[in-house]
């Protein structure tokens, strides 16, 4: 399985619904589990900066990763990006091949 990082920025309307954040987050997670049962979540963080949330997860391919981003956007994310991640040790190995 490939590791992905999902960076999510909420829409301004959703950002104002902080009291409902837990409920909205559970609903999103349930949808991901239903539509993408092969996805395995590793970590979930609320972050300060250009994005509101960072999720690290594993998916079998980029199409499933795209579904996770689309589900986020369908649930009010203003922006959702799934980025492929390479373990640092493997990255170093790749640099030695060049």
PDB file of N, CA and C in Angstrom:
ATOM      1  N   UNK A   1       0.847  -1.184   0.000  1.00  0.00           N
ATOM      2  CA  UNK A   1       0.000   0.000   0.000  1.00  0.00           C
ATOM      3  C   UNK A   1       0.889   1.241   0.000  1.00  0.00           C
ATOM      4  N   UNK A   2       0.428   2.245  -0.673  1.00  0.00           N
ATOM      5  CA  UNK A   2       1.120   3.530  -0.764  1.00  0.00           C
ATOM      6  C   UNK A   2       0.659   4.441   0.379  1.00  0.00           C
ATOM      7  N   UNK A   3       1.575   5.233   0.911  1.00  0.00           N
ATOM      8  CA  UNK A   3       1.238   6.202   1.954  1.00  0.00           C
ATOM      9  C   UNK A   3       0.900   7.536   1.302  1.00  0.00           C
ATOM     10  N   UNK A   4      -0.169   8.161   1.802  1.00  0.00           N
ATOM     11  CA  UNK A   4      -0.609   9.473   1.304  1.00  0.00           C
ATOM     12  C   UNK A   4      -0.792  10.419   2.475  1.00  0.00           C
ATOM     13  N   UNK A   5      -0.665  11.692   2.175  1.00  0.00           N
ATOM     14  CA  UNK A   5      -0.935  12.746   3.147  1.00  0.00           C
ATOM     15  C   UNK A   5      -2.058  13.602   2.576  1.00  0.00           C
ATOM     16  N   UNK A   6      -3.129  13.731   3.336  1.00  0.00           N
ATOM     17  CA  UNK A   6      -4.260  14.562   2.931  1.00  0.00           C
ATOM     18  C   UNK A   6      -4.193  15.881   3.688  1.00  0.00           C
ATOM     19  N   UNK A   7      -4.114  16.964   2.939  1.00  0.00           N
ATOM     20  CA  UNK A   7      -4.119  18.301   3.506  1.00  0.00           C
ATOM     21  C   UNK A   7      -5.489  18.912   3.195  1.00  0.00           C
ATOM     22  N   UNK A   8      -6.209  19.332   4.247  1.00  0.00           N
ATOM     23  CA  UNK A   8      -7.570  19.825   4.077  1.00  0.00           C
ATOM     24  C   UNK A   8      -7.729  21.224   4.642  1.00  0.00           C
ATOM     25  N   UNK A   9      -8.349  22.079   3.861  1.00  0.00           N
ATOM     26  CA  UNK A   9      -8.731  23.428   4.291  1.00  0.00           C
ATOM     27  C   UNK A   9     -10.246  23.494   4.246  1.00  0.00           C
ATOM     28  N   UNK A  10     -10.862  23.812   5.383  1.00  0.00           N
ATOM     29  CA  UNK A  10     -12.320  23.887   5.448  1.00  0.00           C
ATOM     30  C   UNK A  10     -12.836  25.160   4.786  1.00  0.00           C
ATOM     31  N   UNK A  11     -14.058  25.085   4.318  1.00  0.00           N
ATOM     32  CA  UNK A  11     -14.703  26.276   3.780  1.00  0.00           C
ATOM     33  C   UNK A  11     -14.949  27.250   4.930  1.00  0.00           C
ATOM     34  N   UNK A  12     -15.063  28.545   4.645  1.00  0.00           N
ATOM     35  CA  UNK A  12     -15.319  29.522   5.719  1.00  0.00           C
ATOM     36  C   UNK A  12     -16.575  29.176   6.535  1.00  0.00           C
ATOM     37  N   UNK A  13     -17.634  28.708   5.867  1.00  0.00           N
ATOM     38  CA  UNK A  13     -18.864  28.352   6.587  1.00  0.00           C
ATOM     39  C   UNK A  13     -18.619  27.213   7.577  1.00  0.00           C
ATOM     40  N   UNK A  14     -17.897  26.179   7.136  1.00  0.00           N
ATOM     41  CA  UNK A  14     -17.606  25.053   8.028  1.00  0.00           C
ATOM     42  C   UNK A  14     -16.667  25.464   9.153  1.00  0.00           C
ATOM     43  N   UNK A  15     -15.759  26.369   8.867  1.00  0.00           N
ATOM     44  CA  UNK A  15     -14.815  26.819   9.899  1.00  0.00           C
ATOM     45  C   UNK A  15     -15.530  27.491  11.058  1.00  0.00           C
ATOM     46  N   UNK A  16     -16.676  28.074  10.787  1.00  0.00           N
ATOM     47  CA  UNK A  16     -17.444  28.738  11.845  1.00  0.00           C
ATOM     48  C   UNK A  16     -18.278  27.760  12.671  1.00  0.00           C
ATOM     49  N   UNK A  17     -18.336  26.503  12.264  1.00  0.00           N
ATOM     50  CA  UNK A  17     -19.142  25.495  12.961  1.00  0.00           C
ATOM     51  C   UNK A  17     -18.289  24.625  13.879  1.00  0.00           C
ATOM     52  N   UNK A  18     -17.440  25.244  14.666  1.00  0.00           N
ATOM     53  CA  UNK A  18     -16.518  24.499  15.516  1.00  0.00           C
ATOM     54  C   UNK A  18     -17.228  23.584  16.518  1.00  0.00           C
ATOM     55  N   UNK A  19     -18.395  23.994  16.999  1.00  0.00           N
ATOM     56  CA  UNK A  19     -19.116  23.151  17.965  1.00  0.00           C
ATOM     57  C   UNK A  19     -19.580  21.844  17.333  1.00  0.00           C
ATOM     58  N   UNK A  20     -19.748  21.841  16.015  1.00  0.00           N
ATOM     59  CA  UNK A  20     -20.183  20.641  15.300  1.00  0.00           C
ATOM     60  C   UNK A  20     -19.015  19.859  14.696  1.00  0.00           C
ATOM     61  N   UNK A  21     -17.793  20.299  14.965  1.00  0.00           N
ATOM     62  CA  UNK A  21     -16.617  19.724  14.319  1.00  0.00           C
ATOM     63  C   UNK A  21     -16.500  18.211  14.535  1.00  0.00           C
ATOM     64  N   UNK A  22     -16.734  17.750  15.754  1.00  0.00           N
ATOM     65  CA  UNK A  22     -16.616  16.317  16.050  1.00  0.00           C
ATOM     66  C   UNK A  22     -17.624  15.509  15.246  1.00  0.00           C
ATOM     67  N   UNK A  23     -18.852  15.974  15.208  1.00  0.00           N
ATOM     68  CA  UNK A  23     -19.913  15.296  14.466  1.00  0.00           C
ATOM     69  C   UNK A  23     -19.596  15.273  12.969  1.00  0.00           C
ATOM     70  N   UNK A  24     -19.159  16.402  12.434  1.00  0.00           N
ATOM     71  CA  UNK A  24     -18.831  16.489  11.014  1.00  0.00           C
ATOM     72  C   UNK A  24     -17.641  15.589  10.663  1.00  0.00           C
ATOM     73  N   UNK A  25     -16.662  15.548  11.553  1.00  0.00           N
ATOM     74  CA  UNK A  25     -15.483  14.709  11.335  1.00  0.00           C
ATOM     75  C   UNK A  25     -15.841  13.230  11.336  1.00  0.00           C
ATOM     76  N   UNK A  26     -16.706  12.829  12.263  1.00  0.00           N
ATOM     77  CA  UNK A  26     -17.135  11.416  12.314  1.00  0.00           C
ATOM     78  C   UNK A  26     -17.910  11.045  11.049  1.00  0.00           C
ATOM     79  N   UNK A  27     -18.762  11.946  10.582  1.00  0.00           N
ATOM     80  CA  UNK A  27     -19.533  11.702   9.367  1.00  0.00           C
ATOM     81  C   UNK A  27     -18.599  11.512   8.167  1.00  0.00           C
ATOM     82  N   UNK A  28     -17.590  12.373   8.059  1.00  0.00           N
ATOM     83  CA  UNK A  28     -16.609  12.266   6.973  1.00  0.00           C
ATOM     84  C   UNK A  28     -15.887  10.920   7.046  1.00  0.00           C
ATOM     85  N   UNK A  29     -15.429  10.548   8.239  1.00  0.00           N
ATOM     86  CA  UNK A  29     -14.693   9.296   8.406  1.00  0.00           C
ATOM     87  C   UNK A  29     -15.569   8.092   8.054  1.00  0.00           C
ATOM     88  N   UNK A  30     -16.821   8.119   8.452  1.00  0.00           N
ATOM     89  CA  UNK A  30     -17.746   7.027   8.124  1.00  0.00           C
ATOM     90  C   UNK A  30     -17.922   6.899   6.611  1.00  0.00           C
ATOM     91  N   UNK A  31     -18.001   8.022   5.919  1.00  0.00           N
ATOM     92  CA  UNK A  31     -18.140   7.993   4.464  1.00  0.00           C
ATOM     93  C   UNK A  31     -16.895   7.426   3.800  1.00  0.00           C
ATOM     94  N   UNK A  32     -15.726   7.822   4.298  1.00  0.00           N
ATOM     95  CA  UNK A  32     -14.478   7.291   3.734  1.00  0.00           C
ATOM     96  C   UNK A  32     -14.428   5.781   3.963  1.00  0.00           C
ATOM     97  N   UNK A  33     -14.752   5.336   5.172  1.00  0.00           N
ATOM     98  CA  UNK A  33     -14.720   3.902   5.460  1.00  0.00           C
ATOM     99  C   UNK A  33     -15.721   3.131   4.603  1.00  0.00           C
ATOM    100  N   UNK A  34     -16.869   3.728   4.325  1.00  0.00           N
ATOM    101  CA  UNK A  34     -17.890   3.083   3.507  1.00  0.00           C
ATOM    102  C   UNK A  34     -17.473   3.020   2.036  1.00  0.00           C
ATOM    103  N   UNK A  35     -16.985   4.126   1.502  1.00  0.00           N
ATOM    104  CA  UNK A  35     -16.653   4.207   0.075  1.00  0.00           C
ATOM    105  C   UNK A  35     -15.250   3.686  -0.255  1.00  0.00           C
ATOM    106  N   UNK A  36     -14.368   3.675   0.746  1.00  0.00           N
ATOM    107  CA  UNK A  36     -12.976   3.261   0.537  1.00  0.00           C
ATOM    108  C   UNK A  36     -12.542   2.340   1.684  1.00  0.00           C
ATOM    109  N   UNK A  37     -13.140   1.154   1.785  1.00  0.00           N
ATOM    110  CA  UNK A  37     -12.852   0.292   2.932  1.00  0.00           C
ATOM    111  C   UNK A  37     -11.388  -0.161   3.019  1.00  0.00           C
ATOM    112  N   UNK A  38     -10.666  -0.064   1.918  1.00  0.00           N
ATOM    113  CA  UNK A  38      -9.267  -0.485   1.919  1.00  0.00           C
ATOM    114  C   UNK A  38      -8.321   0.566   2.504  1.00  0.00           C
ATOM    115  N   UNK A  39      -8.815   1.775   2.755  1.00  0.00           N
ATOM    116  CA  UNK A  39      -7.983   2.843   3.321  1.00  0.00           C
ATOM    117  C   UNK A  39      -7.712   2.570   4.795  1.00  0.00           C
ATOM    118  N   UNK A  40      -6.462   2.756   5.180  1.00  0.00           N
ATOM    119  CA  UNK A  40      -6.053   2.592   6.581  1.00  0.00           C
ATOM    120  C   UNK A  40      -5.485   3.927   7.068  1.00  0.00           C
ATOM    121  N   UNK A  41      -6.149   4.536   8.053  1.00  0.00           N
ATOM    122  CA  UNK A  41      -5.669   5.805   8.594  1.00  0.00           C
ATOM    123  C   UNK A  41      -4.569   5.565   9.615  1.00  0.00           C
ATOM    124  N   UNK A  42      -3.525   6.354   9.522  1.00  0.00           N
ATOM    125  CA  UNK A  42      -2.375   6.236  10.423  1.00  0.00           C
ATOM    126  C   UNK A  42      -2.391   7.343  11.461  1.00  0.00           C
ATOM    127  N   UNK A  43      -2.727   8.574  11.034  1.00  0.00           N
ATOM    128  CA  UNK A  43      -2.717   9.711  11.965  1.00  0.00           C
ATOM    129  C   UNK A  43      -3.643  10.810  11.460  1.00  0.00           C
ATOM    130  N   UNK A  44      -4.163  11.583  12.405  1.00  0.00           N
ATOM    131  CA  UNK A  44      -5.042  12.713  12.086  1.00  0.00           C
ATOM    132  C   UNK A  44      -4.654  13.878  12.990  1.00  0.00           C
ATOM    133  N   UNK A  45      -4.371  15.024  12.384  1.00  0.00           N
ATOM    134  CA  UNK A  45      -3.947  16.195  13.148  1.00  0.00           C
ATOM    135  C   UNK A  45      -4.748  17.421  12.735  1.00  0.00           C
ATOM    136  N   UNK A  46      -5.096  18.242  13.697  1.00  0.00           N
ATOM    137  CA  UNK A  46      -5.563  19.597  13.427  1.00  0.00           C
ATOM    138  C   UNK A  46      -4.300  20.450  13.422  1.00  0.00           C
ATOM    139  N   UNK A  47      -4.158  21.308  12.420  1.00  0.00           N
ATOM    140  CA  UNK A  47      -2.924  22.084  12.308  1.00  0.00           C
ATOM    141  C   UNK A  47      -3.242  23.571  12.157  1.00  0.00           C
ATOM    142  N   UNK A  48      -2.270  24.391  12.459  1.00  0.00           N
ATOM    143  CA  UNK A  48      -2.391  25.832  12.310  1.00  0.00           C
ATOM    144  C   UNK A  48      -1.592  26.239  11.077  1.00  0.00           C
ATOM    145  N   UNK A  49      -2.175  27.037  10.235  1.00  0.00           N
ATOM    146  CA  UNK A  49      -1.461  27.458   9.038  1.00  0.00           C
ATOM    147  C   UNK A  49      -2.377  27.477   7.835  1.00  0.00           C
ATOM    148  N   UNK A  50      -1.824  27.180   6.681  1.00  0.00           N
ATOM    149  CA  UNK A  50      -2.577  27.255   5.429  1.00  0.00           C
ATOM    150  C   UNK A  50      -3.683  26.197   5.349  1.00  0.00           C
ATOM    151  N   UNK A  51      -3.530  25.099   6.073  1.00  0.00           N
ATOM    152  CA  UNK A  51      -4.528  24.029   6.088  1.00  0.00           C
ATOM    153  C   UNK A  51      -5.048  23.846   7.506  1.00  0.00           C
ATOM    154  N   UNK A  52      -6.223  23.221   7.613  1.00  0.00           N
ATOM    155  CA  UNK A  52      -6.831  22.973   8.918  1.00  0.00           C
ATOM    156  C   UNK A  52      -6.522  21.584   9.464  1.00  0.00           C
ATOM    157  N   UNK A  53      -6.406  20.600   8.571  1.00  0.00           N
ATOM    158  CA  UNK A  53      -6.182  19.222   9.002  1.00  0.00           C
ATOM    159  C   UNK A  53      -5.153  18.531   8.129  1.00  0.00           C
ATOM    160  N   UNK A  54      -4.446  17.591   8.732  1.00  0.00           N
ATOM    161  CA  UNK A  54      -3.485  16.751   8.039  1.00  0.00           C
ATOM    162  C   UNK A  54      -3.792  15.317   8.441  1.00  0.00           C
ATOM    163  N   UNK A  55      -4.013  14.471   7.452  1.00  0.00           N
ATOM    164  CA  UNK A  55      -4.249  13.049   7.690  1.00  0.00           C
ATOM    165  C   UNK A  55      -3.196  12.247   6.953  1.00  0.00           C
ATOM    166  N   UNK A  56      -2.668  11.245   7.606  1.00  0.00           N
ATOM    167  CA  UNK A  56      -1.736  10.321   6.981  1.00  0.00           C
ATOM    168  C   UNK A  56      -2.476   8.998   6.870  1.00  0.00           C
ATOM    169  N   UNK A  57      -2.497   8.453   5.661  1.00  0.00           N
ATOM    170  CA  UNK A  57      -3.229   7.210   5.454  1.00  0.00           C
ATOM    171  C   UNK A  57      -2.572   6.372   4.355  1.00  0.00           C
ATOM    172  N   UNK A  58      -2.957   5.116   4.307  1.00  0.00           N
ATOM    173  CA  UNK A  58      -2.488   4.220   3.265  1.00  0.00           C
ATOM    174  C   UNK A  58      -3.658   3.852   2.367  1.00  0.00           C
ATOM    175  N   UNK A  59      -3.380   3.800   1.073  1.00  0.00           N
ATOM    176  CA  UNK A  59      -4.377   3.412   0.081  1.00  0.00           C
ATOM    177  C   UNK A  59      -3.670   2.582  -0.989  1.00  0.00           C
ATOM    178  N   UNK A  60      -4.411   1.716  -1.672  1.00  0.00           N
ATOM    179  CA  UNK A  60      -3.761   0.856  -2.659  1.00  0.00           C
ATOM    180  C   UNK A  60      -3.289   1.575  -3.921  1.00  0.00           C
ATOM    181  N   UNK A  61      -3.903   2.727  -4.237  1.00  0.00           N
ATOM    182  CA  UNK A  61      -3.504   3.435  -5.456  1.00  0.00           C
ATOM    183  C   UNK A  61      -4.021   4.881  -5.425  1.00  0.00           C
ATOM    184  N   UNK A  62      -3.635   5.638  -6.453  1.00  0.00           N
ATOM    185  CA  UNK A  62      -3.993   7.059  -6.500  1.00  0.00           C
ATOM    186  C   UNK A  62      -5.484   7.285  -6.738  1.00  0.00           C
ATOM    187  N   UNK A  63      -6.168   6.327  -7.333  1.00  0.00           N
ATOM    188  CA  UNK A  63      -7.608   6.499  -7.543  1.00  0.00           C
ATOM    189  C   UNK A  63      -8.369   6.463  -6.213  1.00  0.00           C
ATOM    190  N   UNK A  64      -7.971   5.570  -5.333  1.00  0.00           N
ATOM    191  CA  UNK A  64      -8.600   5.521  -4.013  1.00  0.00           C
ATOM    192  C   UNK A  64      -8.230   6.780  -3.229  1.00  0.00           C
ATOM    193  N   UNK A  65      -6.987   7.230  -3.343  1.00  0.00           N
ATOM    194  CA  UNK A  65      -6.573   8.472  -2.676  1.00  0.00           C
ATOM    195  C   UNK A  65      -7.392   9.652  -3.201  1.00  0.00           C
ATOM    196  N   UNK A  66      -7.672   9.664  -4.500  1.00  0.00           N
ATOM    197  CA  UNK A  66      -8.500  10.726  -5.077  1.00  0.00           C
ATOM    198  C   UNK A  66      -9.905  10.694  -4.483  1.00  0.00           C
ATOM    199  N   UNK A  67     -10.445   9.501  -4.259  1.00  0.00           N
ATOM    200  CA  UNK A  67     -11.772   9.393  -3.638  1.00  0.00           C
ATOM    201  C   UNK A  67     -11.790  10.027  -2.250  1.00  0.00           C
ATOM    202  N   UNK A  68     -10.726   9.817  -1.484  1.00  0.00           N
ATOM    203  CA  UNK A  68     -10.653  10.403  -0.143  1.00  0.00           C
ATOM    204  C   UNK A  68     -10.712  11.923  -0.242  1.00  0.00           C
ATOM    205  N   UNK A  69      -9.973  12.503  -1.184  1.00  0.00           N
ATOM    206  CA  UNK A  69     -10.011  13.956  -1.390  1.00  0.00           C
ATOM    207  C   UNK A  69     -11.385  14.421  -1.846  1.00  0.00           C
ATOM    208  N   UNK A  70     -12.000  13.670  -2.748  1.00  0.00           N
ATOM    209  CA  UNK A  70     -13.328  14.047  -3.265  1.00  0.00           C
ATOM    210  C   UNK A  70     -14.368  13.992  -2.151  1.00  0.00           C
ATOM    211  N   UNK A  71     -14.289  12.969  -1.300  1.00  0.00           N
ATOM    212  CA  UNK A  71     -15.212  12.879  -0.163  1.00  0.00           C
ATOM    213  C   UNK A  71     -15.027  14.091   0.749  1.00  0.00           C
ATOM    214  N   UNK A  72     -13.801  14.513   0.945  1.00  0.00           N
ATOM    215  CA  UNK A  72     -13.534  15.705   1.767  1.00  0.00           C
ATOM    216  C   UNK A  72     -14.173  16.936   1.155  1.00  0.00           C
ATOM    217  N   UNK A  73     -14.028  17.106  -0.145  1.00  0.00           N
ATOM    218  CA  UNK A  73     -14.619  18.262  -0.815  1.00  0.00           C
ATOM    219  C   UNK A  73     -16.143  18.192  -0.799  1.00  0.00           C
ATOM    220  N   UNK A  74     -16.700  16.992  -0.930  1.00  0.00           N
ATOM    221  CA  UNK A  74     -18.155  16.832  -0.896  1.00  0.00           C
ATOM    222  C   UNK A  74     -18.721  17.142   0.489  1.00  0.00           C
ATOM    223  N   UNK A  75     -17.864  17.111   1.510  1.00  0.00           N
ATOM    224  CA  UNK A  75     -18.279  17.398   2.880  1.00  0.00           C
ATOM    225  C   UNK A  75     -17.881  18.798   3.328  1.00  0.00           C
ATOM    226  N   UNK A  76     -17.624  19.684   2.379  1.00  0.00           N
ATOM    227  CA  UNK A  76     -17.404  21.079   2.710  1.00  0.00           C
ATOM    228  C   UNK A  76     -15.972  21.550   2.771  1.00  0.00           C
ATOM    229  N   UNK A  77     -15.025  20.700   2.386  1.00  0.00           N
ATOM    230  CA  UNK A  77     -13.640  21.168   2.345  1.00  0.00           C
ATOM    231  C   UNK A  77     -13.492  22.164   1.201  1.00  0.00           C
ATOM    232  N   UNK A  78     -12.884  23.280   1.476  1.00  0.00           N
ATOM    233  CA  UNK A  78     -12.608  24.293   0.467  1.00  0.00           C
ATOM    234  C   UNK A  78     -11.500  23.801  -0.454  1.00  0.00           C
ATOM    235  N   UNK A  79     -10.562  23.061   0.136  1.00  0.00           N
ATOM    236  CA  UNK A  79      -9.426  22.528  -0.601  1.00  0.00           C
ATOM    237  C   UNK A  79      -9.022  21.209   0.049  1.00  0.00           C
ATOM    238  N   UNK A  80      -8.713  20.202  -0.773  1.00  0.00           N
ATOM    239  CA  UNK A  80      -8.259  18.912  -0.271  1.00  0.00           C
ATOM    240  C   UNK A  80      -7.230  18.357  -1.239  1.00  0.00           C
ATOM    241  N   UNK A  81      -6.041  18.077  -0.738  1.00  0.00           N
ATOM    242  CA  UNK A  81      -4.967  17.545  -1.568  1.00  0.00           C
ATOM    243  C   UNK A  81      -4.454  16.254  -0.954  1.00  0.00           C
ATOM    244  N   UNK A  82      -4.361  15.211  -1.775  1.00  0.00           N
ATOM    245  CA  UNK A  82      -3.727  13.975  -1.337  1.00  0.00           C
ATOM    246  C   UNK A  82      -2.373  13.889  -2.018  1.00  0.00           C
ATOM    247  N   UNK A  83      -1.336  13.834  -1.223  1.00  0.00           N
ATOM    248  CA  UNK A  83       0.033  13.809  -1.723  1.00  0.00           C
ATOM    249  C   UNK A  83       0.659  12.451  -1.434  1.00  0.00           C
ATOM    250  N   UNK A  84       1.339  11.883  -2.423  1.00  0.00           N
ATOM    251  CA  UNK A  84       2.045  10.627  -2.198  1.00  0.00           C
ATOM    252  C   UNK A  84       3.246  10.889  -1.295  1.00  0.00           C
ATOM    253  N   UNK A  85       3.487   9.973  -0.374  1.00  0.00           N
ATOM    254  CA  UNK A  85       4.610  10.115   0.552  1.00  0.00           C
ATOM    255  C   UNK A  85       5.534   8.904   0.421  1.00  0.00           C
ATOM    256  N   UNK A  86       6.823   9.157   0.456  1.00  0.00           N
ATOM    257  CA  UNK A  86       7.832   8.102   0.376  1.00  0.00           C
ATOM    258  C   UNK A  86       8.577   8.082   1.703  1.00  0.00           C
ATOM    259  N   UNK A  87       8.710   6.912   2.325  1.00  0.00           N
ATOM    260  CA  UNK A  87       9.485   6.853   3.569  1.00  0.00           C
ATOM    261  C   UNK A  87      10.899   7.418   3.345  1.00  0.00           C
ATOM    262  N   UNK A  88      11.393   8.126   4.338  1.00  0.00           N
ATOM    263  CA  UNK A  88      12.683   8.809   4.198  1.00  0.00           C
ATOM    264  C   UNK A  88      13.800   7.842   3.819  1.00  0.00           C
ATOM    265  N   UNK A  89      13.831   6.682   4.440  1.00  0.00           N
ATOM    266  CA  UNK A  89      14.883   5.700   4.147  1.00  0.00           C
ATOM    267  C   UNK A  89      14.848   5.305   2.669  1.00  0.00           C
ATOM    268  N   UNK A  90      13.655   5.102   2.132  1.00  0.00           N
ATOM    269  CA  UNK A  90      13.528   4.756   0.711  1.00  0.00           C
ATOM    270  C   UNK A  90      13.939   5.932  -0.167  1.00  0.00           C
ATOM    271  N   UNK A  91      13.620   7.149   0.242  1.00  0.00           N
ATOM    272  CA  UNK A  91      14.025   8.345  -0.491  1.00  0.00           C
ATOM    273  C   UNK A  91      15.552   8.404  -0.606  1.00  0.00           C
ATOM    274  N   UNK A  92      16.242   8.134   0.488  1.00  0.00           N
ATOM    275  CA  UNK A  92      17.707   8.134   0.478  1.00  0.00           C
ATOM    276  C   UNK A  92      18.231   7.064  -0.468  1.00  0.00           C
ATOM    277  N   UNK A  93      17.599   5.898  -0.458  1.00  0.00           N
ATOM    278  CA  UNK A  93      18.001   4.836  -1.381  1.00  0.00           C
ATOM    279  C   UNK A  93      17.845   5.295  -2.835  1.00  0.00           C
ATOM    280  N   UNK A  94      16.755   5.990  -3.119  1.00  0.00           N
ATOM    281  CA  UNK A  94      16.530   6.492  -4.469  1.00  0.00           C
ATOM    282  C   UNK A  94      17.595   7.486  -4.895  1.00  0.00           C
ATOM    283  N   UNK A  95      18.021   8.335  -3.975  1.00  0.00           N
ATOM    284  CA  UNK A  95      19.052   9.323  -4.316  1.00  0.00           C
ATOM    285  C   UNK A  95      20.371   8.650  -4.685  1.00  0.00           C
ATOM    286  N   UNK A  96      20.632   7.498  -4.100  1.00  0.00           N
ATOM    287  CA  UNK A  96      21.864   6.777  -4.400  1.00  0.00           C
ATOM    288  C   UNK A  96      21.825   6.132  -5.787  1.00  0.00           C
ATOM    289  N   UNK A  97      20.633   5.972  -6.326  1.00  0.00           N
ATOM    290  CA  UNK A  97      20.493   5.385  -7.663  1.00  0.00           C
ATOM    291  C   UNK A  97      20.739   6.398  -8.766  1.00  0.00           C
ATOM    292  N   UNK A  98      20.822   7.660  -8.416  1.00  0.00           N
ATOM    293  CA  UNK A  98      20.991   8.717  -9.431  1.00  0.00           C
ATOM    294  C   UNK A  98      22.457   9.037  -9.624  1.00  0.00           C
TER     295      UNK A  98
END
